[in-house]
């Protein structure tokens, strides 16, 4: 999965985003959901498959990797 930034109408829902971008439930991490980055400007983040990410974003705008975040160093 990769993260993409998309422009949608303000206050968009995940279902609206999937419909507008032509994505299926198999291509979207529905548990991650639609994350508002700047809702007034209509900017949102989605976690999608890599193939879907290349389809819905221009080359300069993503997709972006989504590495796991893990602790660094020995436990304290």
PDB file of N, CA and C in Angstrom:
ATOM      1  N   UNK A   1       0.842  -1.185   0.000  1.00  0.00           N
ATOM      2  CA  UNK A   1       0.000   0.000   0.000  1.00  0.00           C
ATOM      3  C   UNK A   1       0.890   1.253   0.000  1.00  0.00           C
ATOM      4  N   UNK A   2       0.363   2.300  -0.602  1.00  0.00           N
ATOM      5  CA  UNK A   2       1.039   3.588  -0.669  1.00  0.00           C
ATOM      6  C   UNK A   2       0.046   4.680  -0.268  1.00  0.00           C
ATOM      7  N   UNK A   3       0.583   5.816   0.118  1.00  0.00           N
ATOM      8  CA  UNK A   3      -0.262   6.962   0.435  1.00  0.00           C
ATOM      9  C   UNK A   3      -0.348   7.874  -0.774  1.00  0.00           C
ATOM     10  N   UNK A   4      -1.531   8.399  -1.033  1.00  0.00           N
ATOM     11  CA  UNK A   4      -1.726   9.377  -2.095  1.00  0.00           C
ATOM     12  C   UNK A   4      -2.454  10.587  -1.527  1.00  0.00           C
ATOM     13  N   UNK A   5      -2.168  11.721  -2.103  1.00  0.00           N
ATOM     14  CA  UNK A   5      -2.879  12.951  -1.773  1.00  0.00           C
ATOM     15  C   UNK A   5      -3.804  13.257  -2.936  1.00  0.00           C
ATOM     16  N   UNK A   6      -5.074  13.484  -2.625  1.00  0.00           N
ATOM     17  CA  UNK A   6      -6.057  13.732  -3.679  1.00  0.00           C
ATOM     18  C   UNK A   6      -6.858  14.990  -3.368  1.00  0.00           C
ATOM     19  N   UNK A   7      -7.359  15.607  -4.415  1.00  0.00           N
ATOM     20  CA  UNK A   7      -8.218  16.785  -4.288  1.00  0.00           C
ATOM     21  C   UNK A   7      -9.654  16.340  -4.498  1.00  0.00           C
ATOM     22  N   UNK A   8     -10.494  16.621  -3.503  1.00  0.00           N
ATOM     23  CA  UNK A   8     -11.906  16.240  -3.529  1.00  0.00           C
ATOM     24  C   UNK A   8     -12.739  17.410  -3.036  1.00  0.00           C
ATOM     25  N   UNK A   9     -14.048  17.338  -3.223  1.00  0.00           N
ATOM     26  CA  UNK A   9     -14.895  18.392  -2.675  1.00  0.00           C
ATOM     27  C   UNK A   9     -14.763  18.443  -1.146  1.00  0.00           C
ATOM     28  N   UNK A  10     -14.865  19.622  -0.551  1.00  0.00           N
ATOM     29  CA  UNK A  10     -14.811  19.722   0.905  1.00  0.00           C
ATOM     30  C   UNK A  10     -15.827  18.787   1.556  1.00  0.00           C
ATOM     31  N   UNK A  11     -15.435  18.207   2.685  1.00  0.00           N
ATOM     32  CA  UNK A  11     -16.271  17.291   3.469  1.00  0.00           C
ATOM     33  C   UNK A  11     -16.622  16.013   2.710  1.00  0.00           C
ATOM     34  N   UNK A  12     -15.727  15.573   1.836  1.00  0.00           N
ATOM     35  CA  UNK A  12     -15.946  14.331   1.092  1.00  0.00           C
ATOM     36  C   UNK A  12     -15.903  13.135   2.048  1.00  0.00           C
ATOM     37  N   UNK A  13     -16.584  12.074   1.674  1.00  0.00           N
ATOM     38  CA  UNK A  13     -16.557  10.829   2.437  1.00  0.00           C
ATOM     39  C   UNK A  13     -15.687   9.827   1.693  1.00  0.00           C
ATOM     40  N   UNK A  14     -15.337   8.746   2.360  1.00  0.00           N
ATOM     41  CA  UNK A  14     -14.544   7.702   1.717  1.00  0.00           C
ATOM     42  C   UNK A  14     -15.285   7.122   0.518  1.00  0.00           C
ATOM     43  N   UNK A  15     -16.574   6.861   0.664  1.00  0.00           N
ATOM     44  CA  UNK A  15     -17.355   6.309  -0.453  1.00  0.00           C
ATOM     45  C   UNK A  15     -17.387   7.268  -1.637  1.00  0.00           C
ATOM     46  N   UNK A  16     -17.536   8.564  -1.370  1.00  0.00           N
ATOM     47  CA  UNK A  16     -17.522   9.552  -2.456  1.00  0.00           C
ATOM     48  C   UNK A  16     -16.158   9.587  -3.134  1.00  0.00           C
ATOM     49  N   UNK A  17     -15.096   9.503  -2.344  1.00  0.00           N
ATOM     50  CA  UNK A  17     -13.744   9.518  -2.898  1.00  0.00           C
ATOM     51  C   UNK A  17     -13.520   8.311  -3.801  1.00  0.00           C
ATOM     52  N   UNK A  18     -13.921   7.132  -3.313  1.00  0.00           N
ATOM     53  CA  UNK A  18     -13.746   5.920  -4.105  1.00  0.00           C
ATOM     54  C   UNK A  18     -14.518   6.008  -5.420  1.00  0.00           C
ATOM     55  N   UNK A  19     -15.724   6.517  -5.369  1.00  0.00           N
ATOM     56  CA  UNK A  19     -16.541   6.636  -6.582  1.00  0.00           C
ATOM     57  C   UNK A  19     -15.925   7.646  -7.555  1.00  0.00           C
ATOM     58  N   UNK A  20     -15.540   8.813  -7.041  1.00  0.00           N
ATOM     59  CA  UNK A  20     -14.990   9.856  -7.912  1.00  0.00           C
ATOM     60  C   UNK A  20     -13.664   9.435  -8.534  1.00  0.00           C
ATOM     61  N   UNK A  21     -12.843   8.673  -7.786  1.00  0.00           N
ATOM     62  CA  UNK A  21     -11.530   8.269  -8.283  1.00  0.00           C
ATOM     63  C   UNK A  21     -11.549   6.924  -9.002  1.00  0.00           C
ATOM     64  N   UNK A  22     -12.706   6.267  -9.037  1.00  0.00           N
ATOM     65  CA  UNK A  22     -12.820   4.987  -9.722  1.00  0.00           C
ATOM     66  C   UNK A  22     -12.082   3.860  -9.015  1.00  0.00           C
ATOM     67  N   UNK A  23     -12.132   3.850  -7.684  1.00  0.00           N
ATOM     68  CA  UNK A  23     -11.435   2.840  -6.886  1.00  0.00           C
ATOM     69  C   UNK A  23     -12.416   1.818  -6.329  1.00  0.00           C
ATOM     70  N   UNK A  24     -11.947   0.586  -6.194  1.00  0.00           N
ATOM     71  CA  UNK A  24     -12.753  -0.463  -5.578  1.00  0.00           C
ATOM     72  C   UNK A  24     -12.304  -0.659  -4.140  1.00  0.00           C
ATOM     73  N   UNK A  25     -13.123  -1.370  -3.358  1.00  0.00           N
ATOM     74  CA  UNK A  25     -12.760  -1.642  -1.962  1.00  0.00           C
ATOM     75  C   UNK A  25     -11.479  -2.458  -1.867  1.00  0.00           C
ATOM     76  N   UNK A  26     -11.190  -3.287  -2.878  1.00  0.00           N
ATOM     77  CA  UNK A  26      -9.958  -4.077  -2.878  1.00  0.00           C
ATOM     78  C   UNK A  26      -8.718  -3.207  -3.064  1.00  0.00           C
ATOM     79  N   UNK A  27      -8.885  -2.007  -3.604  1.00  0.00           N
ATOM     80  CA  UNK A  27      -7.749  -1.120  -3.867  1.00  0.00           C
ATOM     81  C   UNK A  27      -7.513  -0.099  -2.752  1.00  0.00           C
ATOM     82  N   UNK A  28      -8.422  -0.006  -1.806  1.00  0.00           N
ATOM     83  CA  UNK A  28      -8.356   1.031  -0.767  1.00  0.00           C
ATOM     84  C   UNK A  28      -8.276   0.387   0.610  1.00  0.00           C
ATOM     85  N   UNK A  29      -7.442   0.951   1.469  1.00  0.00           N
ATOM     86  CA  UNK A  29      -7.404   0.516   2.867  1.00  0.00           C
ATOM     87  C   UNK A  29      -8.547   1.245   3.575  1.00  0.00           C
ATOM     88  N   UNK A  30      -9.684   0.590   3.632  1.00  0.00           N
ATOM     89  CA  UNK A  30     -10.866   1.233   4.202  1.00  0.00           C
ATOM     90  C   UNK A  30     -10.724   1.454   5.710  1.00  0.00           C
ATOM     91  N   UNK A  31      -9.902   0.654   6.389  1.00  0.00           N
ATOM     92  CA  UNK A  31      -9.665   0.865   7.821  1.00  0.00           C
ATOM     93  C   UNK A  31      -8.871   2.152   8.051  1.00  0.00           C
ATOM     94  N   UNK A  32      -7.985   2.497   7.128  1.00  0.00           N
ATOM     95  CA  UNK A  32      -7.218   3.744   7.214  1.00  0.00           C
ATOM     96  C   UNK A  32      -8.150   4.927   6.965  1.00  0.00           C
ATOM     97  N   UNK A  33      -9.042   4.748   6.003  1.00  0.00           N
ATOM     98  CA  UNK A  33     -10.041   5.769   5.728  1.00  0.00           C
ATOM     99  C   UNK A  33      -9.548   6.919   4.876  1.00  0.00           C
ATOM    100  N   UNK A  34     -10.343   7.948   4.829  1.00  0.00           N
ATOM    101  CA  UNK A  34     -10.036   9.181   4.110  1.00  0.00           C
ATOM    102  C   UNK A  34      -9.592  10.203   5.144  1.00  0.00           C
ATOM    103  N   UNK A  35      -8.337  10.611   5.087  1.00  0.00           N
ATOM    104  CA  UNK A  35      -7.765  11.480   6.106  1.00  0.00           C
ATOM    105  C   UNK A  35      -7.714  12.916   5.590  1.00  0.00           C
ATOM    106  N   UNK A  36      -8.403  13.847   6.271  1.00  0.00           N
ATOM    107  CA  UNK A  36      -8.362  15.239   5.821  1.00  0.00           C
ATOM    108  C   UNK A  36      -6.996  15.869   6.114  1.00  0.00           C
ATOM    109  N   UNK A  37      -6.367  16.401   5.080  1.00  0.00           N
ATOM    110  CA  UNK A  37      -5.108  17.125   5.247  1.00  0.00           C
ATOM    111  C   UNK A  37      -5.385  18.619   5.340  1.00  0.00           C
ATOM    112  N   UNK A  38      -6.204  19.114   4.431  1.00  0.00           N
ATOM    113  CA  UNK A  38      -6.645  20.513   4.423  1.00  0.00           C
ATOM    114  C   UNK A  38      -8.048  20.515   3.826  1.00  0.00           C
ATOM    115  N   UNK A  39      -9.056  20.203   4.670  1.00  0.00           N
ATOM    116  CA  UNK A  39     -10.418  20.057   4.139  1.00  0.00           C
ATOM    117  C   UNK A  39     -10.961  21.309   3.464  1.00  0.00           C
ATOM    118  N   UNK A  40     -10.535  22.482   3.902  1.00  0.00           N
ATOM    119  CA  UNK A  40     -11.014  23.712   3.257  1.00  0.00           C
ATOM    120  C   UNK A  40     -10.543  23.792   1.809  1.00  0.00           C
ATOM    121  N   UNK A  41      -9.357  23.240   1.536  1.00  0.00           N
ATOM    122  CA  UNK A  41      -8.830  23.218   0.173  1.00  0.00           C
ATOM    123  C   UNK A  41      -9.193  21.923  -0.557  1.00  0.00           C
ATOM    124  N   UNK A  42      -9.847  20.984   0.152  1.00  0.00           N
ATOM    125  CA  UNK A  42     -10.248  19.723  -0.457  1.00  0.00           C
ATOM    126  C   UNK A  42      -9.112  18.724  -0.605  1.00  0.00           C
ATOM    127  N   UNK A  43      -8.082  18.813   0.244  1.00  0.00           N
ATOM    128  CA  UNK A  43      -6.957  17.882   0.169  1.00  0.00           C
ATOM    129  C   UNK A  43      -7.108  16.771   1.199  1.00  0.00           C
ATOM    130  N   UNK A  44      -6.987  15.536   0.723  1.00  0.00           N
ATOM    131  CA  UNK A  44      -7.159  14.360   1.568  1.00  0.00           C
ATOM    132  C   UNK A  44      -6.077  13.341   1.245  1.00  0.00           C
ATOM    133  N   UNK A  45      -5.824  12.444   2.205  1.00  0.00           N
ATOM    134  CA  UNK A  45      -4.897  11.325   1.993  1.00  0.00           C
ATOM    135  C   UNK A  45      -5.687  10.024   2.003  1.00  0.00           C
ATOM    136  N   UNK A  46      -5.267   9.110   1.142  1.00  0.00           N
ATOM    137  CA  UNK A  46      -5.838   7.770   1.052  1.00  0.00           C
ATOM    138  C   UNK A  46      -4.691   6.770   1.022  1.00  0.00           C
ATOM    139  N   UNK A  47      -4.920   5.602   1.572  1.00  0.00           N
ATOM    140  CA  UNK A  47      -3.956   4.510   1.472  1.00  0.00           C
ATOM    141  C   UNK A  47      -4.529   3.512   0.476  1.00  0.00           C
ATOM    142  N   UNK A  48      -3.794   3.324  -0.630  1.00  0.00           N
ATOM    143  CA  UNK A  48      -4.288   2.497  -1.732  1.00  0.00           C
ATOM    144  C   UNK A  48      -3.190   1.547  -2.219  1.00  0.00           C
ATOM    145  N   UNK A  49      -3.575   0.597  -3.071  1.00  0.00           N
ATOM    146  CA  UNK A  49      -2.570  -0.275  -3.680  1.00  0.00           C
ATOM    147  C   UNK A  49      -1.659   0.564  -4.568  1.00  0.00           C
ATOM    148  N   UNK A  50      -0.476   0.045  -4.827  1.00  0.00           N
ATOM    149  CA  UNK A  50       0.476   0.800  -5.643  1.00  0.00           C
ATOM    150  C   UNK A  50      -0.063   1.069  -7.043  1.00  0.00           C
ATOM    151  N   UNK A  51      -0.694   0.074  -7.656  1.00  0.00           N
ATOM    152  CA  UNK A  51      -1.265   0.271  -9.002  1.00  0.00           C
ATOM    153  C   UNK A  51      -2.321   1.374  -8.987  1.00  0.00           C
ATOM    154  N   UNK A  52      -3.199   1.357  -7.993  1.00  0.00           N
ATOM    155  CA  UNK A  52      -4.231   2.388  -7.887  1.00  0.00           C
ATOM    156  C   UNK A  52      -3.600   3.753  -7.653  1.00  0.00           C
ATOM    157  N   UNK A  53      -2.545   3.798  -6.865  1.00  0.00           N
ATOM    158  CA  UNK A  53      -1.863   5.064  -6.592  1.00  0.00           C
ATOM    159  C   UNK A  53      -1.325   5.717  -7.849  1.00  0.00           C
ATOM    160  N   UNK A  54      -0.755   4.917  -8.734  1.00  0.00           N
ATOM    161  CA  UNK A  54      -0.239   5.466  -9.994  1.00  0.00           C
ATOM    162  C   UNK A  54      -1.370   5.934 -10.898  1.00  0.00           C
ATOM    163  N   UNK A  55      -2.516   5.306 -10.812  1.00  0.00           N
ATOM    164  CA  UNK A  55      -3.658   5.682 -11.640  1.00  0.00           C
ATOM    165  C   UNK A  55      -4.286   6.999 -11.201  1.00  0.00           C
ATOM    166  N   UNK A  56      -4.365   7.249  -9.900  1.00  0.00           N
ATOM    167  CA  UNK A  56      -5.135   8.405  -9.428  1.00  0.00           C
ATOM    168  C   UNK A  56      -4.306   9.648  -9.134  1.00  0.00           C
ATOM    169  N   UNK A  57      -2.970   9.552  -9.191  1.00  0.00           N
ATOM    170  CA  UNK A  57      -2.150  10.725  -8.913  1.00  0.00           C
ATOM    171  C   UNK A  57      -1.185  10.975 -10.061  1.00  0.00           C
ATOM    172  N   UNK A  58      -0.909  12.237 -10.341  1.00  0.00           N
ATOM    173  CA  UNK A  58       0.114  12.538 -11.357  1.00  0.00           C
ATOM    174  C   UNK A  58       1.490  12.132 -10.832  1.00  0.00           C
ATOM    175  N   UNK A  59       2.420  11.919 -11.721  1.00  0.00           N
ATOM    176  CA  UNK A  59       3.760  11.454 -11.339  1.00  0.00           C
ATOM    177  C   UNK A  59       4.406  12.346 -10.282  1.00  0.00           C
ATOM    178  N   UNK A  60       4.226  13.654 -10.376  1.00  0.00           N
ATOM    179  CA  UNK A  60       4.858  14.558  -9.427  1.00  0.00           C
ATOM    180  C   UNK A  60       4.151  14.599  -8.080  1.00  0.00           C
ATOM    181  N   UNK A  61       2.903  14.091  -8.008  1.00  0.00           N
ATOM    182  CA  UNK A  61       2.137  14.189  -6.770  1.00  0.00           C
ATOM    183  C   UNK A  61       2.005  12.893  -6.017  1.00  0.00           C
ATOM    184  N   UNK A  62       2.765  11.892  -6.352  1.00  0.00           N
ATOM    185  CA  UNK A  62       2.678  10.642  -5.613  1.00  0.00           C
ATOM    186  C   UNK A  62       2.638   9.484  -6.577  1.00  0.00           C
ATOM    187  N   UNK A  63       2.425   8.299  -6.113  1.00  0.00           N
ATOM    188  CA  UNK A  63       2.148   7.947  -4.729  1.00  0.00           C
ATOM    189  C   UNK A  63       3.400   8.002  -3.868  1.00  0.00           C
ATOM    190  N   UNK A  64       3.190   8.007  -2.566  1.00  0.00           N
ATOM    191  CA  UNK A  64       4.269   8.067  -1.608  1.00  0.00           C
ATOM    192  C   UNK A  64       4.354   6.746  -0.864  1.00  0.00           C
ATOM    193  N   UNK A  65       5.549   6.400  -0.443  1.00  0.00           N
ATOM    194  CA  UNK A  65       5.694   5.154   0.306  1.00  0.00           C
ATOM    195  C   UNK A  65       5.006   5.297   1.659  1.00  0.00           C
ATOM    196  N   UNK A  66       4.743   4.182   2.282  1.00  0.00           N
ATOM    197  CA  UNK A  66       4.080   4.171   3.579  1.00  0.00           C
ATOM    198  C   UNK A  66       4.799   3.158   4.479  1.00  0.00           C
ATOM    199  N   UNK A  67       6.048   3.485   4.878  1.00  0.00           N
ATOM    200  CA  UNK A  67       6.809   2.517   5.665  1.00  0.00           C
ATOM    201  C   UNK A  67       6.228   2.365   7.067  1.00  0.00           C
ATOM    202  N   UNK A  68       6.399   1.186   7.667  1.00  0.00           N
ATOM    203  CA  UNK A  68       5.925   1.012   9.036  1.00  0.00           C
ATOM    204  C   UNK A  68       6.753   1.866   9.992  1.00  0.00           C
ATOM    205  N   UNK A  69       6.127   2.350  11.015  1.00  0.00           N
ATOM    206  CA  UNK A  69       6.827   3.139  12.033  1.00  0.00           C
ATOM    207  C   UNK A  69       7.076   2.215  13.214  1.00  0.00           C
ATOM    208  N   UNK A  70       8.337   2.071  13.553  1.00  0.00           N
ATOM    209  CA  UNK A  70       8.714   1.164  14.625  1.00  0.00           C
ATOM    210  C   UNK A  70       9.652   1.875  15.585  1.00  0.00           C
ATOM    211  N   UNK A  71       9.744   1.371  16.814  1.00  0.00           N
ATOM    212  CA  UNK A  71      10.669   1.968  17.781  1.00  0.00           C
ATOM    213  C   UNK A  71      12.107   1.874  17.289  1.00  0.00           C
ATOM    214  N   UNK A  72      12.909   2.832  17.690  1.00  0.00           N
ATOM    215  CA  UNK A  72      14.333   2.845  17.328  1.00  0.00           C
ATOM    216  C   UNK A  72      15.145   2.636  18.584  1.00  0.00           C
ATOM    217  N   UNK A  73      16.076   1.720  18.533  1.00  0.00           N
ATOM    218  CA  UNK A  73      16.972   1.486  19.659  1.00  0.00           C
ATOM    219  C   UNK A  73      16.397   0.504  20.669  1.00  0.00           C
ATOM    220  N   UNK A  74      17.188   0.236  21.709  1.00  0.00           N
ATOM    221  CA  UNK A  74      16.748  -0.736  22.710  1.00  0.00           C
ATOM    222  C   UNK A  74      15.615  -0.176  23.564  1.00  0.00           C
ATOM    223  N   UNK A  75      14.781  -1.079  24.103  1.00  0.00           N
ATOM    224  CA  UNK A  75      13.697  -0.602  24.995  1.00  0.00           C
ATOM    225  C   UNK A  75      14.275   0.071  26.226  1.00  0.00           C
ATOM    226  N   UNK A  76      13.554   1.024  26.749  1.00  0.00           N
ATOM    227  CA  UNK A  76      14.010   1.733  27.950  1.00  0.00           C
ATOM    228  C   UNK A  76      13.366   1.158  29.168  1.00  0.00           C
TER     229      UNK A  76
END
